[in-house]
C-alpha atoms as a PDB file:
ATOM      1  CA  MET A   1       1.884  68.986 -17.325  1.00  0.00           C
ATOM      2  CA  LYS A   2       3.496  66.890 -20.062  1.00  0.00           C
ATOM      3  CA  VAL A   3       1.925  67.113 -23.539  1.00  0.00           C
ATOM      4  CA  GLY A   4       2.816  65.543 -26.878  1.00  0.00           C
ATOM      5  CA  VAL A   5       2.300  67.020 -30.348  1.00  0.00           C
ATOM      6  CA  ILE A   6       2.141  64.374 -33.093  1.00  0.00           C
ATOM      7  CA  GLY A   7       2.447  65.592 -36.677  1.00  0.00           C
ATOM      8  CA  LEU A   8       4.254  68.841 -37.446  1.00  0.00           C
ATOM      9  CA  GLY A   9       2.909  69.837 -40.844  1.00  0.00           C
ATOM     10  CA  THR A  10       1.710  73.218 -42.069  1.00  0.00           C
ATOM     11  CA  ILE A  11      -1.382  73.441 -39.858  1.00  0.00           C
ATOM     12  CA  ALA A  12       0.515  72.473 -36.726  1.00  0.00           C
ATOM     13  CA  GLN A  13       3.273  74.974 -37.467  1.00  0.00           C
ATOM     14  CA  LYS A  14       0.970  77.865 -38.326  1.00  0.00           C
ATOM     15  CA  ALA A  15      -2.046  77.403 -36.064  1.00  0.00           C
ATOM     16  CA  TYR A  16      -0.821  75.480 -33.028  1.00  0.00           C
ATOM     17  CA  LEU A  17       2.887  75.616 -32.223  1.00  0.00           C
ATOM     18  CA  PRO A  18       3.151  79.440 -32.009  1.00  0.00           C
ATOM     19  CA  MET A  19       0.353  79.549 -29.426  1.00  0.00           C
ATOM     20  CA  MET A  20       1.537  76.469 -27.543  1.00  0.00           C
ATOM     21  CA  MET A  21       5.117  77.584 -27.178  1.00  0.00           C
ATOM     22  CA  THR A  22       4.543  81.258 -26.359  1.00  0.00           C
ATOM     23  CA  GLU A  23       1.437  81.058 -24.181  1.00  0.00           C
ATOM     24  CA  HIS A  24       2.046  77.791 -22.345  1.00  0.00           C
ATOM     25  CA  PRO A  25       5.671  77.688 -21.144  1.00  0.00           C
ATOM     26  CA  GLU A  26       4.485  75.748 -18.081  1.00  0.00           C
ATOM     27  CA  VAL A  27       3.889  72.690 -20.281  1.00  0.00           C
ATOM     28  CA  GLU A  28       6.661  70.205 -21.001  1.00  0.00           C
ATOM     29  CA  TRP A  29       6.169  69.821 -24.751  1.00  0.00           C
ATOM     30  CA  HIS A  30       7.170  66.658 -26.630  1.00  0.00           C
ATOM     31  CA  LEU A  31       7.205  66.929 -30.443  1.00  0.00           C
ATOM     32  CA  SER A  32       6.890  63.973 -32.796  1.00  0.00           C
ATOM     33  CA  THR A  33       7.319  63.602 -36.552  1.00  0.00           C
ATOM     34  CA  ARG A  34       9.016  61.053 -38.784  1.00  0.00           C
ATOM     35  CA  ASN A  35      10.881  63.906 -40.481  1.00  0.00           C
ATOM     36  CA  LYS A  36      14.067  64.137 -38.432  1.00  0.00           C
ATOM     37  CA  GLU A  37      15.277  67.330 -40.111  1.00  0.00           C
ATOM     38  CA  LYS A  38      11.994  69.134 -39.444  1.00  0.00           C
ATOM     39  CA  LEU A  39      12.047  67.881 -35.862  1.00  0.00           C
ATOM     40  CA  GLU A  40      15.507  69.300 -35.253  1.00  0.00           C
ATOM     41  CA  VAL A  41      14.655  72.650 -36.865  1.00  0.00           C
ATOM     42  CA  LEU A  42      11.518  73.097 -34.754  1.00  0.00           C
ATOM     43  CA  GLY A  43      13.269  71.858 -31.638  1.00  0.00           C
ATOM     44  CA  GLU A  44      15.940  74.510 -32.123  1.00  0.00           C
ATOM     45  CA  LYS A  45      13.387  77.206 -32.971  1.00  0.00           C
ATOM     46  CA  TYR A  46      11.403  76.610 -29.791  1.00  0.00           C
ATOM     47  CA  ARG A  47      14.386  75.615 -27.614  1.00  0.00           C
ATOM     48  CA  ILE A  48      13.097  72.151 -26.847  1.00  0.00           C
ATOM     49  CA  ASN A  49      15.516  69.645 -25.378  1.00  0.00           C
ATOM     50  CA  ALA A  50      16.621  66.757 -27.594  1.00  0.00           C
ATOM     51  CA  GLU A  51      15.051  64.171 -25.275  1.00  0.00           C
ATOM     52  CA  GLN A  52      11.669  65.806 -25.950  1.00  0.00           C
ATOM     53  CA  LEU A  53      11.926  65.254 -29.725  1.00  0.00           C
ATOM     54  CA  HIS A  54      10.661  61.941 -31.127  1.00  0.00           C
ATOM     55  CA  THR A  55      10.618  60.401 -34.608  1.00  0.00           C
ATOM     56  CA  ASP A  56       8.189  57.687 -33.477  1.00  0.00           C
ATOM     57  CA  TRP A  57       4.910  58.754 -31.853  1.00  0.00           C
ATOM     58  CA  LYS A  58       4.748  55.455 -29.984  1.00  0.00           C
ATOM     59  CA  ASP A  59       7.624  56.671 -27.805  1.00  0.00           C
ATOM     60  CA  LEU A  60       5.110  58.986 -26.119  1.00  0.00           C
ATOM     61  CA  LEU A  61       3.159  56.021 -24.762  1.00  0.00           C
ATOM     62  CA  ASP A  62       5.950  55.262 -22.295  1.00  0.00           C
ATOM     63  CA  LEU A  63       6.647  58.813 -21.116  1.00  0.00           C
ATOM     64  CA  ASP A  64       3.766  59.239 -18.685  1.00  0.00           C
ATOM     65  CA  ILE A  65       2.381  62.160 -20.682  1.00  0.00           C
ATOM     66  CA  ASP A  66      -0.938  63.762 -19.767  1.00  0.00           C
ATOM     67  CA  ALA A  67      -2.261  64.583 -23.238  1.00  0.00           C
ATOM     68  CA  VAL A  68      -1.529  64.679 -26.966  1.00  0.00           C
ATOM     69  CA  PHE A  69      -2.428  66.883 -29.900  1.00  0.00           C
ATOM     70  CA  ILE A  70      -2.798  64.857 -33.121  1.00  0.00           C
ATOM     71  CA  HIS A  71      -2.140  66.715 -36.392  1.00  0.00           C
ATOM     72  CA  THR A  72      -1.432  63.778 -38.684  1.00  0.00           C
ATOM     73  CA  PRO A  73      -3.372  62.775 -41.851  1.00  0.00           C
ATOM     74  CA  THR A  74      -6.921  61.587 -41.211  1.00  0.00           C
ATOM     75  CA  THR A  75      -6.138  58.007 -42.243  1.00  0.00           C
ATOM     76  CA  THR A  76      -3.704  57.721 -39.316  1.00  0.00           C
ATOM     77  CA  HIS A  77      -6.006  59.157 -36.637  1.00  0.00           C
ATOM     78  CA  ALA A  78      -7.700  55.964 -35.490  1.00  0.00           C
ATOM     79  CA  GLU A  79      -4.528  54.021 -34.668  1.00  0.00           C
ATOM     80  CA  ILE A  80      -3.038  56.881 -32.673  1.00  0.00           C
ATOM     81  CA  ILE A  81      -6.274  57.820 -30.878  1.00  0.00           C
ATOM     82  CA  ARG A  82      -6.948  54.215 -29.949  1.00  0.00           C
ATOM     83  CA  ALA A  83      -3.453  53.733 -28.511  1.00  0.00           C
ATOM     84  CA  MET A  84      -3.661  56.944 -26.464  1.00  0.00           C
ATOM     85  CA  LEU A  85      -7.144  56.327 -25.070  1.00  0.00           C
ATOM     86  CA  GLU A  86      -6.198  52.807 -24.032  1.00  0.00           C
ATOM     87  CA  LYS A  87      -3.359  54.363 -21.996  1.00  0.00           C
ATOM     88  CA  ARG A  88      -5.802  56.917 -20.506  1.00  0.00           C
ATOM     89  CA  ILE A  89      -3.992  59.786 -22.276  1.00  0.00           C
ATOM     90  CA  ALA A  90      -6.260  62.743 -23.159  1.00  0.00           C
ATOM     91  CA  VAL A  91      -6.547  63.371 -26.892  1.00  0.00           C
ATOM     92  CA  PHE A  92      -7.057  66.458 -29.033  1.00  0.00           C
ATOM     93  CA  VAL A  93      -7.426  65.581 -32.716  1.00  0.00           C
ATOM     94  CA  ASP A  94      -7.871  67.705 -35.825  1.00  0.00           C
ATOM     95  CA  LYS A  95     -11.234  67.172 -37.480  1.00  0.00           C
ATOM     96  CA  PRO A  96     -12.467  64.722 -38.539  1.00  0.00           C
ATOM     97  CA  ILE A  97     -11.932  61.998 -35.971  1.00  0.00           C
ATOM     98  CA  SER A  98     -12.153  59.657 -38.959  1.00  0.00           C
ATOM     99  CA  ASP A  99     -13.731  59.790 -42.416  1.00  0.00           C
ATOM    100  CA  GLN A 100     -15.248  56.365 -41.710  1.00  0.00           C
ATOM    101  CA  LEU A 101     -18.349  56.731 -39.534  1.00  0.00           C
ATOM    102  CA  GLU A 102     -18.131  53.330 -37.843  1.00  0.00           C
ATOM    103  CA  GLU A 103     -14.543  54.067 -36.851  1.00  0.00           C
ATOM    104  CA  THR A 104     -15.607  57.411 -35.398  1.00  0.00           C
ATOM    105  CA  LYS A 105     -18.327  55.697 -33.374  1.00  0.00           C
ATOM    106  CA  GLU A 106     -15.839  53.099 -32.119  1.00  0.00           C
ATOM    107  CA  LEU A 107     -13.390  55.765 -30.915  1.00  0.00           C
ATOM    108  CA  ILE A 108     -16.124  57.800 -29.227  1.00  0.00           C
ATOM    109  CA  LYS A 109     -17.268  54.623 -27.474  1.00  0.00           C
ATOM    110  CA  LEU A 110     -13.686  53.955 -26.349  1.00  0.00           C
ATOM    111  CA  SER A 111     -13.378  57.500 -24.994  1.00  0.00           C
ATOM    112  CA  LYS A 112     -16.474  56.927 -22.869  1.00  0.00           C
ATOM    113  CA  LYS A 113     -15.404  53.444 -21.797  1.00  0.00           C
ATOM    114  CA  THR A 114     -11.980  54.629 -20.621  1.00  0.00           C
ATOM    115  CA  ASN A 115     -13.379  57.910 -19.263  1.00  0.00           C
ATOM    116  CA  THR A 116     -10.652  59.703 -21.215  1.00  0.00           C
ATOM    117  CA  LEU A 117     -11.013  63.043 -22.952  1.00  0.00           C
ATOM    118  CA  LEU A 118     -11.338  62.993 -26.761  1.00  0.00           C
ATOM    119  CA  MET A 119     -11.723  66.537 -28.077  1.00  0.00           C
ATOM    120  CA  THR A 120     -12.167  67.323 -31.773  1.00  0.00           C
ATOM    121  CA  GLY A 121     -10.594  70.476 -33.210  1.00  0.00           C
ATOM    122  CA  PHE A 122     -13.618  72.406 -34.410  1.00  0.00           C
ATOM    123  CA  ASN A 123     -11.941  75.784 -34.002  1.00  0.00           C
ATOM    124  CA  ARG A 124     -14.878  77.794 -35.333  1.00  0.00           C
ATOM    125  CA  ARG A 125     -16.907  77.016 -32.218  1.00  0.00           C
ATOM    126  CA  PHE A 126     -14.315  79.032 -30.282  1.00  0.00           C
ATOM    127  CA  ALA A 127     -14.010  81.997 -32.673  1.00  0.00           C
ATOM    128  CA  PRO A 128     -15.279  85.175 -30.927  1.00  0.00           C
ATOM    129  CA  ARG A 129     -17.508  86.293 -33.822  1.00  0.00           C
ATOM    130  CA  VAL A 130     -19.047  82.820 -34.113  1.00  0.00           C
ATOM    131  CA  LYS A 131     -19.835  82.962 -30.413  1.00  0.00           C
ATOM    132  CA  GLU A 132     -21.751  86.172 -31.123  1.00  0.00           C
ATOM    133  CA  LEU A 133     -23.808  84.346 -33.741  1.00  0.00           C
ATOM    134  CA  LYS A 134     -24.453  81.524 -31.295  1.00  0.00           C
ATOM    135  CA  GLU A 135     -25.883  83.987 -28.747  1.00  0.00           C
ATOM    136  CA  ILE A 136     -28.547  85.341 -31.127  1.00  0.00           C
ATOM    137  CA  GLN A 137     -31.995  84.532 -29.801  1.00  0.00           C
ATOM    138  CA  ASN A 138     -34.907  83.051 -31.773  1.00  0.00           C
ATOM    139  CA  LYS A 139     -32.893  82.010 -34.820  1.00  0.00           C
ATOM    140  CA  ASN A 140     -35.160  80.817 -37.621  1.00  0.00           C
ATOM    141  CA  MET A 141     -32.973  80.603 -40.754  1.00  0.00           C
ATOM    142  CA  ILE A 142     -29.276  79.680 -40.905  1.00  0.00           C
ATOM    143  CA  TYR A 143     -27.202  79.770 -44.120  1.00  0.00           C
ATOM    144  CA  PHE A 144     -23.566  78.667 -43.982  1.00  0.00           C
ATOM    145  CA  GLN A 145     -21.224  78.133 -46.908  1.00  0.00           C
ATOM    146  CA  LYS A 146     -17.523  77.497 -47.372  1.00  0.00           C
ATOM    147  CA  ASN A 147     -16.191  77.870 -50.895  1.00  0.00           C
ATOM    148  CA  GLN A 148     -12.962  77.379 -52.813  1.00  0.00           C
ATOM    149  CA  ALA A 149     -11.907  79.311 -55.906  1.00  0.00           C
ATOM    150  CA  ASN A 150     -11.497  76.597 -58.537  1.00  0.00           C
ATOM    151  CA  GLN A 151     -10.388  73.256 -57.109  1.00  0.00           C
ATOM    152  CA  PRO A 152     -12.965  70.646 -58.223  1.00  0.00           C
ATOM    153  CA  THR A 153     -10.491  67.771 -58.438  1.00  0.00           C
ATOM    154  CA  LYS A 154     -10.482  66.139 -54.998  1.00  0.00           C
ATOM    155  CA  ALA A 155     -12.524  63.105 -53.943  1.00  0.00           C
ATOM    156  CA  SER A 156     -15.990  63.650 -52.521  1.00  0.00           C
ATOM    157  CA  ARG A 157     -15.304  61.782 -49.268  1.00  0.00           C
ATOM    158  CA  TYR A 158     -12.195  63.871 -48.681  1.00  0.00           C
ATOM    159  CA  ARG A 159     -13.968  67.146 -49.472  1.00  0.00           C
ATOM    160  CA  ILE A 160     -17.025  66.414 -47.325  1.00  0.00           C
ATOM    161  CA  TYR A 161     -14.997  65.385 -44.286  1.00  0.00           C
ATOM    162  CA  ASP A 162     -12.196  67.917 -44.721  1.00  0.00           C
ATOM    163  CA  LEU A 163     -13.939  71.024 -46.093  1.00  0.00           C
ATOM    164  CA  MET A 164     -17.681  70.713 -45.551  1.00  0.00           C
ATOM    165  CA  ILE A 165     -17.537  69.315 -42.017  1.00  0.00           C
ATOM    166  CA  HIS A 166     -16.537  72.783 -40.758  1.00  0.00           C
ATOM    167  CA  PRO A 167     -19.696  74.665 -41.838  1.00  0.00           C
ATOM    168  CA  ILE A 168     -21.844  71.637 -40.969  1.00  0.00           C
ATOM    169  CA  ASP A 169     -20.499  71.504 -37.426  1.00  0.00           C
ATOM    170  CA  THR A 170     -20.656  75.272 -36.935  1.00  0.00           C
ATOM    171  CA  ALA A 171     -24.215  75.487 -38.263  1.00  0.00           C
ATOM    172  CA  LEU A 172     -25.347  72.649 -35.991  1.00  0.00           C
ATOM    173  CA  HIS A 173     -23.619  74.459 -33.128  1.00  0.00           C
ATOM    174  CA  MET A 174     -26.028  77.357 -33.691  1.00  0.00           C
ATOM    175  CA  VAL A 175     -29.034  75.298 -32.575  1.00  0.00           C
ATOM    176  CA  ASP A 176     -29.752  73.199 -29.523  1.00  0.00           C
ATOM    177  CA  GLY A 177     -31.393  69.824 -29.643  1.00  0.00           C
ATOM    178  CA  PRO A 178     -31.940  67.285 -32.420  1.00  0.00           C
ATOM    179  CA  VAL A 179     -32.033  68.059 -36.125  1.00  0.00           C
ATOM    180  CA  ARG A 180     -33.543  66.262 -39.089  1.00  0.00           C
ATOM    181  CA  ILE A 181     -32.025  66.062 -42.563  1.00  0.00           C
ATOM    182  CA  ILE A 182     -34.523  67.288 -45.161  1.00  0.00           C
ATOM    183  CA  GLY A 183     -32.352  66.848 -48.231  1.00  0.00           C
ATOM    184  CA  THR A 184     -28.801  66.521 -49.539  1.00  0.00           C
ATOM    185  CA  GLY A 185     -27.035  66.794 -52.868  1.00  0.00           C
ATOM    186  CA  ILE A 186     -23.655  66.388 -54.526  1.00  0.00           C
ATOM    187  CA  VAL A 187     -22.633  67.688 -57.951  1.00  0.00           C
ATOM    188  CA  GLY A 188     -19.610  65.825 -59.244  1.00  0.00           C
ATOM    189  CA  THR A 189     -18.317  62.288 -58.971  1.00  0.00           C
ATOM    190  CA  GLU A 190     -16.958  60.086 -56.208  1.00  0.00           C
ATOM    191  CA  ASP A 191     -13.461  61.120 -57.305  1.00  0.00           C
ATOM    192  CA  ALA A 192     -14.074  64.826 -57.870  1.00  0.00           C
ATOM    193  CA  LEU A 193     -16.536  66.955 -55.907  1.00  0.00           C
ATOM    194  CA  LYS A 194     -17.742  70.215 -57.424  1.00  0.00           C
ATOM    195  CA  ARG A 195     -20.554  71.247 -55.093  1.00  0.00           C
ATOM    196  CA  ALA A 196     -22.493  69.814 -52.182  1.00  0.00           C
ATOM    197  CA  TRP A 197     -25.367  70.904 -49.945  1.00  0.00           C
ATOM    198  CA  VAL A 198     -27.466  69.725 -47.053  1.00  0.00           C
ATOM    199  CA  MET A 199     -30.679  71.141 -45.619  1.00  0.00           C
ATOM    200  CA  LEU A 200     -31.723  70.395 -42.043  1.00  0.00           C
ATOM    201  CA  GLU A 201     -34.373  71.496 -39.600  1.00  0.00           C
ATOM    202  CA  SER A 202     -34.453  71.793 -35.839  1.00  0.00           C
ATOM    203  CA  GLU A 203     -37.474  72.516 -33.677  1.00  0.00           C
ATOM    204  CA  SER A 204     -37.176  76.249 -34.354  1.00  0.00           C
ATOM    205  CA  ALA A 205     -34.930  76.790 -37.387  1.00  0.00           C
ATOM    206  CA  HIS A 206     -34.062  75.658 -40.897  1.00  0.00           C
ATOM    207  CA  ILE A 207     -30.397  75.217 -41.767  1.00  0.00           C
ATOM    208  CA  MET A 208     -28.745  75.277 -45.200  1.00  0.00           C
ATOM    209  CA  VAL A 209     -25.062  74.359 -45.571  1.00  0.00           C
ATOM    210  CA  SER A 210     -23.169  74.250 -48.856  1.00  0.00           C
ATOM    211  CA  VAL A 211     -19.696  74.065 -50.362  1.00  0.00           C
ATOM    212  CA  ASN A 212     -18.640  75.046 -53.873  1.00  0.00           C
ATOM    213  CA  THR A 213     -15.158  74.162 -55.089  1.00  0.00           C
ATOM    214  CA  GLU A 214     -15.475  76.214 -58.281  1.00  0.00           C
ATOM    215  CA  SER A 215     -16.913  79.473 -56.973  1.00  0.00           C
ATOM    216  CA  GLY A 216     -14.181  81.817 -58.193  1.00  0.00           C
ATOM    217  CA  ALA A 217     -13.306  82.869 -54.652  1.00  0.00           C
ATOM    218  CA  ARG A 218     -12.137  81.382 -51.377  1.00  0.00           C
ATOM    219  CA  LEU A 219     -14.918  82.620 -49.125  1.00  0.00           C
ATOM    220  CA  GLU A 220     -16.644  81.440 -45.956  1.00  0.00           C
ATOM    221  CA  THR A 221     -19.940  83.038 -44.995  1.00  0.00           C
ATOM    222  CA  MET A 222     -22.282  82.465 -42.062  1.00  0.00           C
ATOM    223  CA  GLU A 223     -25.703  84.092 -41.947  1.00  0.00           C
ATOM    224  CA  VAL A 224     -28.163  83.833 -39.075  1.00  0.00           C
ATOM    225  CA  GLN A 225     -31.649  85.331 -39.303  1.00  0.00           C
ATOM    226  CA  SER A 226     -34.042  86.135 -36.468  1.00  0.00           C
ATOM    227  CA  PRO A 227     -37.056  88.428 -35.985  1.00  0.00           C
ATOM    228  CA  ALA A 228     -34.727  91.049 -34.485  1.00  0.00           C
ATOM    229  CA  ALA A 229     -31.985  91.109 -37.107  1.00  0.00           C
ATOM    230  CA  THR A 230     -29.990  89.321 -39.773  1.00  0.00           C
ATOM    231  CA  MET A 231     -26.321  88.766 -38.910  1.00  0.00           C
ATOM    232  CA  ARG A 232     -23.681  87.904 -41.496  1.00  0.00           C
ATOM    233  CA  LEU A 233     -20.082  86.863 -40.818  1.00  0.00           C
ATOM    234  CA  GLU A 234     -17.434  86.604 -43.541  1.00  0.00           C
ATOM    235  CA  ASN A 235     -14.216  84.634 -43.129  1.00  0.00           C
ATOM    236  CA  LEU A 236     -14.685  84.606 -39.338  1.00  0.00           C
ATOM    237  CA  THR A 237     -13.724  88.291 -39.083  1.00  0.00           C
ATOM    238  CA  ASP A 238     -16.119  90.731 -40.795  1.00  0.00           C
ATOM    239  CA  PHE A 239     -19.413  90.969 -38.942  1.00  0.00           C
ATOM    240  CA  THR A 240     -22.449  92.789 -40.361  1.00  0.00           C
ATOM    241  CA  LYS A 241     -25.780  93.345 -38.628  1.00  0.00           C
ATOM    242  CA  TYR A 242     -28.882  94.263 -40.653  1.00  0.00           C
ATOM    243  CA  ASP A 243     -31.996  95.455 -38.832  1.00  0.00           C
ATOM    244  CA  GLU A 244     -34.772  98.047 -39.116  1.00  0.00           C
ATOM    245  CA  PHE A 245     -32.391 100.767 -37.948  1.00  0.00           C
ATOM    246  CA  GLY A 246     -29.820 100.180 -40.688  1.00  0.00           C
ATOM    247  CA  ILE A 247     -26.514  98.371 -41.072  1.00  0.00           C
ATOM    248  CA  GLY A 248     -23.809  97.923 -38.451  1.00  0.00           C
ATOM    249  CA  ILE A 249     -20.331  96.641 -39.290  1.00  0.00           C
ATOM    250  CA  LYS A 250     -17.616  95.277 -36.993  1.00  0.00           C
ATOM    251  CA  THR A 251     -14.134  94.294 -38.119  1.00  0.00           C
ATOM    252  CA  TYR A 252     -10.916  93.385 -36.370  1.00  0.00           C
ATOM    253  CA  GLY A 253      -7.838  95.588 -36.358  1.00  0.00           C
ATOM    254  CA  ASP A 254      -4.810  94.364 -38.295  1.00  0.00           C
ATOM    255  CA  TRP A 255      -2.879  94.019 -35.039  1.00  0.00           C
ATOM    256  CA  GLU A 256      -5.273  91.520 -33.495  1.00  0.00           C
ATOM    257  CA  ASN A 257      -4.112  87.922 -33.238  1.00  0.00           C
ATOM    258  CA  THR A 258      -5.226  85.726 -36.147  1.00  0.00           C
ATOM    259  CA  LEU A 259      -5.190  82.628 -33.938  1.00  0.00           C
ATOM    260  CA  LEU A 260      -7.644  84.360 -31.612  1.00  0.00           C
ATOM    261  CA  LYS A 261      -9.908  85.523 -34.452  1.00  0.00           C
ATOM    262  CA  ARG A 262     -10.068  82.029 -35.947  1.00  0.00           C
ATOM    263  CA  GLY A 263     -10.647  80.327 -32.605  1.00  0.00           C
ATOM    264  CA  PHE A 264      -7.393  78.379 -32.362  1.00  0.00           C
ATOM    265  CA  ALA A 265      -6.002  80.187 -29.311  1.00  0.00           C
ATOM    266  CA  PRO A 266      -9.111  79.784 -27.095  1.00  0.00           C
ATOM    267  CA  MET A 267      -9.547  76.197 -28.310  1.00  0.00           C
ATOM    268  CA  ILE A 268      -5.999  75.236 -27.290  1.00  0.00           C
ATOM    269  CA  ASP A 269      -6.526  76.957 -23.930  1.00  0.00           C
ATOM    270  CA  ALA A 270      -9.800  75.089 -23.432  1.00  0.00           C
ATOM    271  CA  PHE A 271      -8.233  71.695 -24.077  1.00  0.00           C
ATOM    272  CA  LEU A 272      -5.260  72.244 -21.771  1.00  0.00           C
ATOM    273  CA  GLU A 273      -7.463  73.628 -19.005  1.00  0.00           C
ATOM    274  CA  THR A 274      -9.837  70.668 -19.322  1.00  0.00           C
ATOM    275  CA  VAL A 275      -6.921  68.242 -19.022  1.00  0.00           C
ATOM    276  CA  GLU A 276      -5.553  70.103 -16.022  1.00  0.00           C
ATOM    277  CA  ILE A 277      -8.806  70.182 -14.062  1.00  0.00           C
ATOM    278  CA  SER A 278     -10.302  66.954 -15.466  1.00  0.00           C
ATOM    279  CA  GLY A 279     -13.221  69.029 -16.699  1.00  0.00           C
ATOM    280  CA  GLU A 280     -16.080  68.392 -19.099  1.00  0.00           C
ATOM    281  CA  ASN A 281     -15.287  68.014 -22.799  1.00  0.00           C
ATOM    282  CA  PRO A 282     -15.534  71.504 -24.395  1.00  0.00           C
ATOM    283  CA  VAL A 283     -16.643  69.857 -27.669  1.00  0.00           C
ATOM    284  CA  SER A 284     -19.138  67.225 -26.635  1.00  0.00           C
ATOM    285  CA  LEU A 285     -18.872  63.782 -28.192  1.00  0.00           C
ATOM    286  CA  GLU A 286     -22.609  63.779 -28.983  1.00  0.00           C
ATOM    287  CA  THR A 287     -22.390  66.928 -31.112  1.00  0.00           C
ATOM    288  CA  VAL A 288     -19.188  65.723 -32.786  1.00  0.00           C
ATOM    289  CA  LEU A 289     -20.869  62.463 -33.741  1.00  0.00           C
ATOM    290  CA  GLN A 290     -23.841  64.376 -35.144  1.00  0.00           C
ATOM    291  CA  SER A 291     -21.565  66.375 -37.463  1.00  0.00           C
ATOM    292  CA  HIS A 292     -19.855  63.202 -38.700  1.00  0.00           C
ATOM    293  CA  GLU A 293     -23.244  61.522 -39.239  1.00  0.00           C
ATOM    294  CA  VAL A 294     -24.465  64.392 -41.426  1.00  0.00           C
ATOM    295  CA  CYS A 295     -21.285  64.171 -43.526  1.00  0.00           C
ATOM    296  CA  GLU A 296     -21.784  60.442 -43.992  1.00  0.00           C
ATOM    297  CA  LYS A 297     -25.452  60.874 -44.929  1.00  0.00           C
ATOM    298  CA  ILE A 298     -24.527  63.308 -47.720  1.00  0.00           C
ATOM    299  CA  LEU A 299     -22.134  60.723 -49.168  1.00  0.00           C
ATOM    300  CA  GLU A 300     -24.551  57.844 -48.639  1.00  0.00           C
ATOM    301  CA  ASN A 301     -27.399  59.636 -50.409  1.00  0.00           C
ATOM    302  CA  ALA A 302     -25.096  60.240 -53.381  1.00  0.00           C
ATOM    303  CA  GLY A 303     -24.190  56.551 -53.495  1.00  0.00           C
ATOM    304  CA  PHE A 304     -20.553  57.140 -52.501  1.00  0.00           C
END
C-alpha cells in the first residue's frame, strides 16, 4: 500500500509519524511539505528514500497512491481533499474538514459521489477510556468541557472549529440518533473568544458542552451520568466511577503509549485497515457533518 502524508508540522510529527513509521513498515510512505530542510531531516530520521519526499503535494496525484493523511492548516484542506477525492484517493484529514459549513457539505457530497473514503481525525472516539464511556447504558446527562489556561485572544470561528469541535463531537458520539440544540452562547467577540457553550438533547439524554479559554488550567473533562453510576474522565486518562458502593479509580501506567491513550494509534490503524479492505468509514460522514453543523450554529447564533 502506498500512502502520502501532507503537512509535517508539530501534530504530524508528535501524533502520527512515530506510529506510522514504527507500526506500519509494510506501507510505502510518501512525505510532503514545502519546507525542504524539514523534509530532508524527517526523511533521514525515518530512512525514507529521496524519491518518496515531495515539496509539492500535487506530485502525489500522479504516483498511484492509495491514500493520504492531510495535516495542513484548515484553510488548505478543501483544495487538497477535493483533488484527492476526484482521483479516487482515500483521505484522512485532521478536524475540521473545513471551518466553512457549505464547504464541508460539498466535500462530503463529493466523497459520496466518488465513493471514496473521507475520514475525519476525531481521535477521541478511538481513545480506550472514551470507548468505556460510550458503552455506558441508559445515559441521561452528559457534561463535556475542554478548557485552556489563559488564552482568550484567538478568533471565535477558529476556537469553535479547532478547540470546541472535539468535545462537541465526542459528546454527540455518546448518544445514538438525532439531537436538538436547546441553546448556545459565546462570551467574547468575533476576534477573541473567552467562553462558549451549547446544550443539546437526544431522545434519552441532555448534553452540555463548554469551552473556557481563561480557566486557569488546561483541562478536559467528560462526565456521563446514568441510573447505575456517574463516570468522569479527565484528560482522556484518569477514569473515576461514582456509585452507591463508593468510588473506583482507574489510571494508566507511565509506560503505556500516549498515542494509544489519546486514540491516535487505533485511529491510524482503523483508517489504514479501511483503505486496505475497502471497508465502511470508521467515522461516518453523517456524524461528522452533525458536529460541524453544531459548531456553525453556535457561531450563527452569536452573529459571527
